[in-house]
Amino acid sequence: MPHEATLNELVGETIIAIDTLWGGDVMNPSGTGRFIADCWFSAQPLPPAYWHPSAALLRASGGVSGPEVDRAAVTEYLAAVDLPRSLAALASEAAAIGGLRGRYLSGLTECIGVMWALVLELLGQGPAVPYEQCVRTVTGRPPGPSDPAPLRQRVEHLLADRGYRAGGDRELVDAVSAWRRDRKVPRGSIETLAGMCIAELDRLTAANVVPHLPAPLHDVPRANIRFLPIEDAWFSGSMNYLGHARHADGRPAYEATYEINAALEISEPEFWQLVSHEVVPGHVTTFAYLQDLHWRGQVGFEASVLTMNTRAATLFEGIANNAILMAYGVNGVDDLPDPELQIGVSLALLQDAAKNQASYLTWHEQRPADEVAPILRRDYLVSEERADKLSGAWARHPLLGRMYLPAYRAGTDLVARLRREHPPERLLPVLFGCAGLVDATTIEDALHGHA
């Protein structure tokens, strides 16, 4: 068995190396600078892979997916940072550790291995990575199209009850647009509304989630976050979990920011779902609980450097998309107390189904962006702004389009099924890491007590 410090160094070096190759900077406070490594809230020093002089050049140029690849910097970086060696060593250590932790680390290694294969593909030094391999590795299941029909029918029915009647696809798109327009969140109201949403969702979480968790997590701040509007973002928003601040006694402050696209067209009910997804009891709560578990020595270092495009990220997106249901203590959208909120949540879930569809149409069916965008707009009822971003900047990205976009639907379906099959007192502690760090393919082993 490896010494824990040696294992931690290996995990850090491997993650930061792949993150740097793709242009990421885990220490950048903004989502515009982060990429694969989502956080680094441990006290462990950043590895040599972060500090090598060529790393700064790669981060500045956007790495291998930037507009102009700095091939000299890539060559220099790979000469100094032996990522294949780190991957092989981490895979070997994961096998030696075994159990849930070993399988988590093994899955992490597999996902980074695919990201490395995609680097070689982009550099012209390796074959094209099959789409199915990308999706299976990150989600644990094969790729497939989304089915928007059930959610569309719910939205159409609820809108009709509110006077927004539709007799066909075009009319339904127009009805949703009118509903959104009538409830649109004004740009100047974002911070105030976010505060109201966070307070109420935290109250609901305290009532319906926290009682099912171990006592040490009860007083962990679940929503220490600031909302920051940003201009011209290619994403709808970015939750940046920082986790660097400490109180006088050394305890973390569990702080985060959320950068929201100032051009985002969103209704107030959809905004409630967004806050539950990004903040409480979604991403910020999930990361805060994991930081607390790490600070108390309950989970390993890998829980402090969480990563996108991995099986853990698939699970985290599933938690976030089910977060508003968990807050209200219900299993289905139809059980939410307010029909307006039901519409907002249904539209948000349609948007995440659209993410999977954008990926599938782009990479499996090889459809161009100008064909994909109208399909997302018509069938998934997303705004024009979202249809454009999802079919373009997201879907056509060589990594996000093939690995991250399918993770949303896969994680959502997984967590929804687990919530139907297991009572909250059994599921929630495992979901939030109290049985050890789990991902989309190991959580069921943890639930059934398989070490």
Protein backbone atom coordinates (compact mmCIF):
# COMPACT_ATOMS: atom_id res chain seq x y z
CA MET A 1 0.00 0.00 0.00
CA PRO A 2 1.34 3.46 -0.82
CA HIS A 3 2.11 6.03 1.81
CA GLU A 4 -0.83 8.45 1.97
CA ALA A 5 1.33 11.49 1.23
CA THR A 6 2.79 9.76 -1.83
CA LEU A 7 -0.68 8.86 -3.08
CA ASN A 8 -1.85 12.42 -2.56
CA GLU A 9 1.07 13.79 -4.55
CA LEU A 10 0.31 11.34 -7.35
CA VAL A 11 -3.37 12.29 -7.44
CA GLY A 12 -2.55 16.00 -7.44
CA GLU A 13 0.14 15.71 -10.12
CA THR A 14 -2.10 13.67 -12.44
CA ILE A 15 -5.15 15.91 -12.14
CA ILE A 16 -3.24 19.18 -12.44
CA ALA A 17 -1.28 17.88 -15.43
CA ILE A 18 -4.39 17.06 -17.47
CA ASP A 19 -6.05 20.29 -16.29
CA THR A 20 -3.06 22.35 -17.43
CA LEU A 21 -2.93 20.66 -20.84
CA TRP A 22 -6.53 21.76 -21.38
CA GLY A 23 -5.73 25.32 -20.22
CA GLY A 24 -7.20 25.12 -16.72
CA ASP A 25 -6.04 26.99 -13.62
CA VAL A 26 -7.49 25.61 -10.41
CA MET A 27 -6.32 28.67 -8.48
CA ASN A 28 -8.16 31.12 -10.73
CA PRO A 29 -11.14 32.44 -8.73
CA SER A 30 -13.21 32.72 -11.93
CA GLY A 31 -14.91 30.00 -13.92
CA THR A 32 -13.48 31.62 -17.03
CA GLY A 33 -10.06 30.35 -15.94
CA ARG A 34 -10.93 26.98 -14.38
CA PHE A 35 -11.56 23.89 -16.41
CA ILE A 36 -11.10 20.27 -15.28
CA ALA A 37 -9.86 20.72 -11.70
CA ASP A 38 -12.83 22.33 -9.95
CA CYS A 39 -11.24 23.03 -6.56
CA TRP A 40 -8.09 22.73 -4.43
CA PHE A 41 -9.12 23.37 -0.86
CA SER A 42 -6.61 21.18 0.98
CA ALA A 43 -3.48 22.48 2.67
CA GLN A 44 -1.33 20.40 0.32
CA PRO A 45 1.05 22.44 -1.88
CA LEU A 46 0.27 22.50 -5.58
CA PRO A 47 2.38 19.92 -7.48
CA PRO A 48 5.25 20.60 -9.90
CA ALA A 49 2.79 20.11 -12.78
CA TYR A 50 1.23 23.44 -11.79
CA TRP A 51 4.45 25.43 -11.38
CA HIS A 52 6.48 24.42 -14.43
CA PRO A 53 7.21 27.55 -16.56
CA SER A 54 5.45 26.09 -19.60
CA ALA A 55 2.28 25.56 -17.53
CA ALA A 56 1.67 29.30 -17.40
CA LEU A 57 2.01 29.48 -21.19
CA LEU A 58 -0.54 26.70 -21.62
CA ARG A 59 -3.00 28.35 -19.27
CA ALA A 60 -2.60 31.67 -21.08
CA SER A 61 -3.22 30.11 -24.51
CA GLY A 62 -6.17 27.92 -23.52
CA GLY A 63 -4.23 24.68 -23.76
CA VAL A 64 -4.85 22.14 -26.52
CA SER A 65 -8.38 23.44 -27.16
CA GLY A 66 -7.39 27.09 -27.37
CA PRO A 67 -7.77 29.13 -30.55
CA GLU A 68 -4.06 28.72 -31.30
CA VAL A 69 -2.28 25.78 -29.69
CA ASP A 70 1.14 26.71 -28.35
CA ARG A 71 2.83 23.54 -29.54
CA ALA A 72 6.22 24.55 -28.24
CA ALA A 73 4.77 24.97 -24.75
CA VAL A 74 2.97 21.61 -25.03
CA THR A 75 6.18 19.88 -26.07
CA GLU A 76 8.16 21.50 -23.26
CA TYR A 77 5.46 20.67 -20.72
CA LEU A 78 5.19 17.01 -21.71
CA ALA A 79 8.97 16.67 -21.59
CA ALA A 80 8.92 17.81 -17.97
CA VAL A 81 5.58 16.36 -16.78
CA ASP A 82 5.22 12.67 -17.57
CA LEU A 83 1.45 12.27 -17.55
CA PRO A 84 1.43 8.71 -18.96
CA ARG A 85 3.74 7.62 -16.14
CA SER A 86 1.51 9.30 -13.55
CA LEU A 87 -1.59 7.66 -15.02
CA ALA A 88 0.01 4.22 -14.96
CA ALA A 89 1.22 4.71 -11.38
CA LEU A 90 -2.20 5.94 -10.20
CA ALA A 91 -3.95 2.99 -11.87
CA SER A 92 -1.54 0.62 -10.11
CA GLU A 93 -2.09 2.26 -6.72
CA ALA A 94 -5.87 2.21 -7.19
CA ALA A 95 -5.77 -1.52 -7.86
CA ALA A 96 -3.62 -2.06 -4.76
CA ILE A 97 -5.95 -0.03 -2.54
CA GLY A 98 -9.08 -1.84 -3.70
CA GLY A 99 -12.48 -1.33 -2.14
CA LEU A 100 -14.65 1.70 -2.81
CA ARG A 101 -11.74 4.12 -2.64
CA GLY A 102 -9.69 2.07 -5.05
CA ARG A 103 -12.59 1.84 -7.50
CA TYR A 104 -13.15 5.60 -7.26
CA LEU A 105 -9.48 6.25 -8.02
CA SER A 106 -9.54 3.70 -10.81
CA GLY A 107 -12.54 5.42 -12.39
CA LEU A 108 -10.82 8.79 -12.04
CA THR A 109 -7.76 7.37 -13.78
CA GLU A 110 -9.88 5.98 -16.64
CA CYS A 111 -11.56 9.35 -17.18
CA ILE A 112 -8.24 11.21 -17.18
CA GLY A 113 -6.93 8.57 -19.57
CA VAL A 114 -9.68 9.43 -22.07
CA MET A 115 -8.96 13.14 -21.63
CA TRP A 116 -5.29 12.39 -22.36
CA ALA A 117 -6.28 10.41 -25.47
CA LEU A 118 -8.28 13.43 -26.60
CA VAL A 119 -5.17 15.61 -26.12
CA LEU A 120 -3.22 13.31 -28.43
CA GLU A 121 -6.07 13.36 -30.95
CA LEU A 122 -6.07 17.16 -31.04
CA LEU A 123 -2.29 17.25 -31.42
CA GLY A 124 -2.46 14.80 -34.33
CA GLN A 125 -0.45 12.27 -32.32
CA GLY A 126 -3.19 9.71 -31.73
CA PRO A 127 -6.36 8.28 -33.29
CA ALA A 128 -9.80 9.82 -32.92
CA VAL A 129 -11.33 8.76 -29.61
CA PRO A 130 -14.67 6.97 -30.18
CA TYR A 131 -17.69 8.89 -28.91
CA GLU A 132 -19.06 5.79 -27.20
CA GLN A 133 -15.82 5.36 -25.24
CA CYS A 134 -16.04 8.95 -24.03
CA VAL A 135 -19.62 8.63 -22.84
CA ARG A 136 -19.30 5.16 -21.30
CA THR A 137 -16.18 6.15 -19.39
CA VAL A 138 -17.71 9.23 -17.78
CA THR A 139 -21.28 7.97 -17.20
CA GLY A 140 -21.00 4.19 -17.00
CA ARG A 141 -23.55 3.74 -19.77
CA PRO A 142 -23.66 4.00 -23.59
CA PRO A 143 -24.67 7.18 -25.39
CA GLY A 144 -28.25 7.65 -26.50
CA PRO A 145 -30.70 10.38 -27.49
CA SER A 146 -32.87 12.23 -24.99
CA ASP A 147 -36.65 11.88 -24.95
CA PRO A 148 -38.24 15.27 -24.26
CA ALA A 149 -41.85 14.11 -24.67
CA PRO A 150 -42.88 13.58 -21.00
CA LEU A 151 -41.45 16.90 -19.85
CA ARG A 152 -42.87 18.74 -22.88
CA GLN A 153 -46.33 17.34 -22.18
CA ARG A 154 -46.14 18.44 -18.55
CA VAL A 155 -45.06 21.94 -19.55
CA GLU A 156 -47.76 22.22 -22.21
CA HIS A 157 -50.47 21.14 -19.76
CA LEU A 158 -49.31 23.49 -17.00
CA LEU A 159 -48.95 26.41 -19.39
CA ALA A 160 -52.47 25.84 -20.75
CA ASP A 161 -53.84 26.03 -17.21
CA ARG A 162 -52.26 29.49 -17.01
CA GLY A 163 -53.65 30.75 -20.28
CA TYR A 164 -50.58 30.03 -22.45
CA ARG A 165 -52.21 27.66 -24.91
CA ALA A 166 -50.30 25.91 -27.70
CA GLY A 167 -51.49 23.84 -30.63
CA GLY A 168 -48.17 22.71 -32.05
CA ASP A 169 -44.40 22.86 -31.76
CA ARG A 170 -44.08 26.49 -32.85
CA GLU A 171 -46.93 27.61 -30.63
CA LEU A 172 -45.46 25.77 -27.65
CA VAL A 173 -42.09 27.47 -28.18
CA ASP A 174 -43.88 30.81 -28.36
CA ALA A 175 -45.97 30.01 -25.26
CA VAL A 176 -42.84 29.18 -23.26
CA SER A 177 -41.15 32.35 -24.49
CA ALA A 178 -44.17 34.41 -23.42
CA TRP A 179 -44.28 32.69 -20.02
CA ARG A 180 -40.54 33.35 -19.55
CA ARG A 181 -40.88 36.95 -20.66
CA ASP A 182 -43.72 37.58 -18.22
CA ARG A 183 -41.62 36.21 -15.34
CA LYS A 184 -38.15 37.23 -16.47
CA VAL A 185 -35.68 38.05 -13.72
CA PRO A 186 -34.46 41.63 -14.25
CA ARG A 187 -30.70 41.90 -14.37
CA GLY A 188 -30.63 44.30 -11.44
CA SER A 189 -32.65 41.92 -9.26
CA ILE A 190 -30.37 38.90 -9.49
CA GLU A 191 -28.49 39.48 -6.23
CA THR A 192 -31.65 40.26 -4.23
CA LEU A 193 -33.59 37.33 -5.63
CA ALA A 194 -30.62 35.01 -5.11
CA GLY A 195 -30.53 35.97 -1.43
CA MET A 196 -34.24 35.24 -1.04
CA CYS A 197 -33.96 31.90 -2.84
CA ILE A 198 -30.92 30.80 -0.84
CA ALA A 199 -32.55 31.64 2.48
CA GLU A 200 -35.71 29.69 1.68
CA LEU A 201 -33.93 26.72 0.09
CA ASP A 202 -31.54 26.52 3.04
CA ARG A 203 -34.54 26.49 5.38
CA LEU A 204 -36.12 23.67 3.38
CA THR A 205 -32.82 21.78 3.29
CA ALA A 206 -32.50 22.10 7.06
CA ALA A 207 -35.94 20.52 7.37
CA ASN A 208 -35.80 17.79 4.72
CA VAL A 209 -32.12 16.92 4.10
CA VAL A 210 -30.02 17.73 7.16
CA PRO A 211 -31.90 15.49 9.66
CA HIS A 212 -30.85 12.45 7.59
CA LEU A 213 -27.14 13.30 7.77
CA PRO A 214 -24.61 12.64 10.57
CA ALA A 215 -24.59 15.25 13.32
CA PRO A 216 -21.13 16.72 12.50
CA LEU A 217 -22.49 17.97 9.15
CA HIS A 218 -25.51 19.74 10.63
CA ASP A 219 -23.77 23.04 11.28
CA VAL A 220 -21.64 23.13 8.13
CA PRO A 221 -22.51 26.31 6.17
CA ARG A 222 -24.38 25.05 3.12
CA ALA A 223 -24.59 28.26 1.09
CA ASN A 224 -21.70 30.63 1.77
CA ILE A 225 -21.76 32.15 -1.71
CA ARG A 226 -21.74 35.46 -3.60
CA PHE A 227 -23.50 35.94 -6.95
CA LEU A 228 -21.42 37.83 -9.55
CA PRO A 229 -22.92 38.80 -12.95
CA ILE A 230 -20.39 38.53 -15.79
CA GLU A 231 -20.56 39.69 -19.41
CA ASP A 232 -20.22 37.66 -22.60
CA ALA A 233 -19.82 34.28 -20.94
CA TRP A 234 -20.17 31.15 -23.08
CA PHE A 235 -21.76 29.37 -20.11
CA SER A 236 -25.01 30.16 -18.28
CA GLY A 237 -23.13 30.33 -14.99
CA SER A 238 -20.16 28.96 -13.11
CA MET A 239 -20.10 27.85 -9.49
CA ASN A 240 -16.57 28.40 -8.20
CA TYR A 241 -16.00 26.57 -4.93
CA LEU A 242 -13.00 28.24 -3.32
CA GLY A 243 -12.75 26.77 0.17
CA HIS A 244 -9.56 28.68 1.03
CA ALA A 245 -10.77 30.89 3.89
CA ARG A 246 -10.30 29.70 7.46
CA HIS A 247 -11.67 30.82 10.82
CA ALA A 248 -9.39 31.55 13.77
CA ASP A 249 -9.70 27.95 14.98
CA GLY A 250 -8.64 26.65 11.55
CA ARG A 251 -12.07 25.51 10.47
CA PRO A 252 -12.92 26.22 6.80
CA ALA A 253 -15.38 28.96 5.89
CA TYR A 254 -16.72 26.87 2.96
CA GLU A 255 -16.92 29.88 0.64
CA ALA A 256 -17.86 29.97 -3.05
CA THR A 257 -18.91 32.37 -5.79
CA TYR A 258 -21.42 31.98 -8.60
CA GLU A 259 -20.74 33.87 -11.81
CA ILE A 260 -23.98 34.23 -13.73
CA ASN A 261 -24.19 35.18 -17.39
CA ALA A 262 -25.65 38.69 -17.50
CA ALA A 263 -27.32 37.84 -20.83
CA LEU A 264 -29.11 34.79 -19.43
CA GLU A 265 -32.83 34.70 -20.23
CA ILE A 266 -34.42 33.06 -17.21
CA SER A 267 -37.74 33.17 -15.42
CA GLU A 268 -38.08 33.44 -11.67
CA PRO A 269 -39.26 29.79 -11.27
CA GLU A 270 -36.29 28.61 -13.36
CA PHE A 271 -34.04 30.78 -11.21
CA TRP A 272 -35.22 28.94 -8.11
CA GLN A 273 -34.18 25.67 -9.72
CA LEU A 274 -30.85 27.21 -10.74
CA VAL A 275 -30.11 28.28 -7.16
CA SER A 276 -31.03 24.84 -5.81
CA HIS A 277 -28.75 23.26 -8.44
CA GLU A 278 -25.75 25.52 -7.94
CA VAL A 279 -26.04 26.34 -4.25
CA VAL A 280 -28.28 24.58 -1.75
CA PRO A 281 -28.64 21.64 -1.51
CA GLY A 282 -26.76 21.29 -4.82
CA HIS A 283 -23.14 21.97 -5.72
CA VAL A 284 -22.07 24.36 -2.95
CA THR A 285 -23.64 22.16 -0.29
CA THR A 286 -22.07 19.02 -1.79
CA PHE A 287 -18.61 20.57 -1.92
CA ALA A 288 -18.93 22.06 1.57
CA TYR A 289 -19.86 18.67 3.02
CA LEU A 290 -16.91 17.04 1.25
CA GLN A 291 -14.57 19.76 2.46
CA ASP A 292 -15.77 19.21 6.01
CA LEU A 293 -15.37 15.44 5.69
CA HIS A 294 -11.85 15.96 4.34
CA TRP A 295 -10.99 18.48 7.07
CA ARG A 296 -12.11 15.94 9.69
CA GLY A 297 -10.15 13.13 8.02
CA GLN A 298 -13.18 11.14 6.91
CA VAL A 299 -12.34 11.14 3.18
CA GLY A 300 -9.06 11.22 1.29
CA PHE A 301 -7.20 13.98 -0.50
CA GLU A 302 -8.96 13.20 -3.79
CA ALA A 303 -12.13 14.68 -2.28
CA SER A 304 -10.39 18.06 -2.10
CA VAL A 305 -9.50 18.29 -5.80
CA LEU A 306 -12.77 17.42 -7.51
CA THR A 307 -12.83 17.20 -11.27
CA MET A 308 -15.11 17.79 -14.26
CA ASN A 309 -15.55 15.19 -17.01
CA THR A 310 -15.41 12.36 -14.49
CA ARG A 311 -17.81 9.87 -12.91
CA ALA A 312 -17.85 11.97 -9.75
CA ALA A 313 -18.97 14.97 -11.81
CA THR A 314 -21.77 12.85 -13.30
CA LEU A 315 -22.99 12.08 -9.79
CA PHE A 316 -22.64 15.72 -8.67
CA GLU A 317 -24.74 16.93 -11.62
CA GLY A 318 -27.34 14.33 -10.67
CA ILE A 319 -27.41 15.59 -7.10
CA ALA A 320 -27.74 19.18 -8.31
CA ASN A 321 -30.57 18.42 -10.74
CA ASN A 322 -32.49 16.60 -8.02
CA ALA A 323 -31.62 19.21 -5.40
CA ILE A 324 -34.88 21.14 -5.47
CA LEU A 325 -36.84 17.90 -5.01
CA MET A 326 -34.61 16.97 -2.07
CA ALA A 327 -35.12 20.41 -0.54
CA TYR A 328 -38.89 19.99 -0.66
CA GLY A 329 -38.71 16.35 0.43
CA VAL A 330 -40.51 15.03 -2.67
CA ASN A 331 -39.54 12.54 -5.38
CA GLY A 332 -41.27 13.97 -8.44
CA VAL A 333 -41.75 17.32 -10.14
CA ASP A 334 -45.52 16.86 -9.93
CA ASP A 335 -45.18 16.76 -6.13
CA LEU A 336 -43.75 20.27 -5.88
CA PRO A 337 -46.25 22.57 -4.16
CA ASP A 338 -46.37 25.35 -6.77
CA PRO A 339 -47.39 24.76 -10.44
CA GLU A 340 -45.20 27.69 -11.47
CA LEU A 341 -42.21 25.97 -9.87
CA GLN A 342 -43.19 22.75 -11.63
CA ILE A 343 -42.95 24.57 -14.97
CA GLY A 344 -39.59 26.10 -14.06
CA VAL A 345 -38.11 22.78 -12.93
CA SER A 346 -39.47 20.98 -16.00
CA LEU A 347 -37.90 23.55 -18.31
CA ALA A 348 -34.59 23.28 -16.45
CA LEU A 349 -34.65 19.49 -16.81
CA LEU A 350 -35.47 19.87 -20.50
CA GLN A 351 -32.40 22.09 -20.84
CA ASP A 352 -30.21 19.39 -19.34
CA ALA A 353 -31.80 16.79 -21.62
CA ALA A 354 -30.94 19.21 -24.43
CA LYS A 355 -27.30 19.11 -23.35
CA ASN A 356 -27.23 15.36 -23.88
CA GLN A 357 -29.08 15.73 -27.18
CA ALA A 358 -26.66 18.39 -28.39
CA SER A 359 -23.79 16.02 -27.66
CA TYR A 360 -25.50 13.05 -29.33
CA LEU A 361 -26.49 14.93 -32.48
CA THR A 362 -23.07 16.54 -32.81
CA TRP A 363 -20.82 13.54 -32.18
CA HIS A 364 -22.95 10.46 -32.92
CA GLU A 365 -24.96 11.81 -35.84
CA GLN A 366 -22.32 14.32 -36.99
CA ARG A 367 -24.89 17.09 -37.35
CA PRO A 368 -23.66 20.71 -37.78
CA ALA A 369 -24.48 23.38 -35.20
CA ASP A 370 -26.95 25.15 -37.47
CA GLU A 371 -29.04 21.96 -37.57
CA VAL A 372 -28.72 21.18 -33.87
CA ALA A 373 -29.74 24.60 -32.51
CA PRO A 374 -33.27 24.63 -34.02
CA ILE A 375 -33.90 21.11 -32.69
CA LEU A 376 -32.93 22.16 -29.17
CA ARG A 377 -35.13 25.24 -29.43
CA ARG A 378 -38.15 23.36 -30.80
CA ASP A 379 -38.03 20.03 -28.93
CA TYR A 380 -36.40 21.10 -25.65
CA LEU A 381 -37.91 24.59 -25.34
CA VAL A 382 -34.61 26.26 -24.49
CA SER A 383 -34.09 29.95 -25.16
CA GLU A 384 -32.39 31.09 -28.35
CA GLU A 385 -29.33 32.06 -26.30
CA ARG A 386 -29.10 28.57 -24.78
CA ALA A 387 -29.72 26.79 -28.09
CA ASP A 388 -26.88 28.75 -29.66
CA LYS A 389 -24.42 28.10 -26.81
CA LEU A 390 -25.29 24.41 -26.39
CA SER A 391 -25.11 23.58 -30.09
CA GLY A 392 -21.94 25.60 -30.59
CA ALA A 393 -19.42 26.41 -27.85
CA TRP A 394 -20.48 23.48 -25.66
CA ALA A 395 -21.33 20.66 -28.03
CA ARG A 396 -18.51 21.26 -30.48
CA HIS A 397 -15.86 21.47 -27.78
CA PRO A 398 -13.73 18.32 -28.16
CA LEU A 399 -13.88 17.49 -24.46
CA LEU A 400 -17.04 19.06 -23.05
CA GLY A 401 -19.14 17.98 -26.03
CA ARG A 402 -18.08 14.34 -25.80
CA MET A 403 -17.76 13.86 -22.05
CA TYR A 404 -19.46 16.55 -19.96
CA LEU A 405 -22.72 17.24 -21.76
CA PRO A 406 -23.92 13.60 -21.49
CA ALA A 407 -23.12 13.62 -17.76
CA TYR A 408 -26.10 15.83 -16.87
CA ARG A 409 -28.85 13.51 -18.04
CA ALA A 410 -27.05 10.36 -16.87
CA GLY A 411 -26.50 11.76 -13.38
CA THR A 412 -30.04 13.12 -13.13
CA ASP A 413 -31.58 9.77 -14.06
CA LEU A 414 -29.29 7.90 -11.65
CA VAL A 415 -30.00 10.05 -8.60
CA ALA A 416 -33.74 10.17 -9.35
CA ARG A 417 -33.83 6.37 -9.49
CA LEU A 418 -31.83 5.98 -6.29
CA ARG A 419 -34.18 8.41 -4.52
CA ARG A 420 -37.15 6.26 -5.56
CA GLU A 421 -35.45 3.06 -4.44
CA HIS A 422 -33.93 4.11 -1.10
CA PRO A 423 -35.28 6.10 1.84
CA PRO A 424 -33.51 9.42 2.50
CA GLU A 425 -31.99 8.25 5.77
CA ARG A 426 -30.18 5.52 3.81
CA LEU A 427 -29.38 7.38 0.59
CA LEU A 428 -28.46 10.92 1.60
CA PRO A 429 -25.44 10.11 3.82
CA VAL A 430 -23.97 7.97 1.04
CA LEU A 431 -24.84 10.54 -1.64
CA PHE A 432 -23.00 13.30 0.23
CA GLY A 433 -19.84 11.26 0.91
CA CYS A 434 -20.38 10.02 4.46
CA ALA A 435 -19.60 6.43 3.43
CA GLY A 436 -16.53 7.60 1.52
CA LEU A 437 -16.18 9.48 -1.74
CA VAL A 438 -18.35 7.82 -4.39
CA ASP A 439 -19.12 8.37 -8.05
CA ALA A 440 -21.79 7.40 -10.57
CA THR A 441 -20.55 3.81 -10.81
CA THR A 442 -19.61 3.11 -7.16
CA ILE A 443 -22.49 4.66 -5.22
CA GLU A 444 -24.68 1.58 -5.49
CA ASP A 445 -21.90 -0.60 -4.07
CA ALA A 446 -21.67 1.82 -1.15
CA LEU A 447 -25.44 1.70 -0.64
CA HIS A 448 -25.38 -2.09 -0.52
CA GLY A 449 -22.37 -2.21 1.78
CA HIS A 450 -19.96 -3.67 -0.76
CA ALA A 451 -16.49 -2.48 0.22
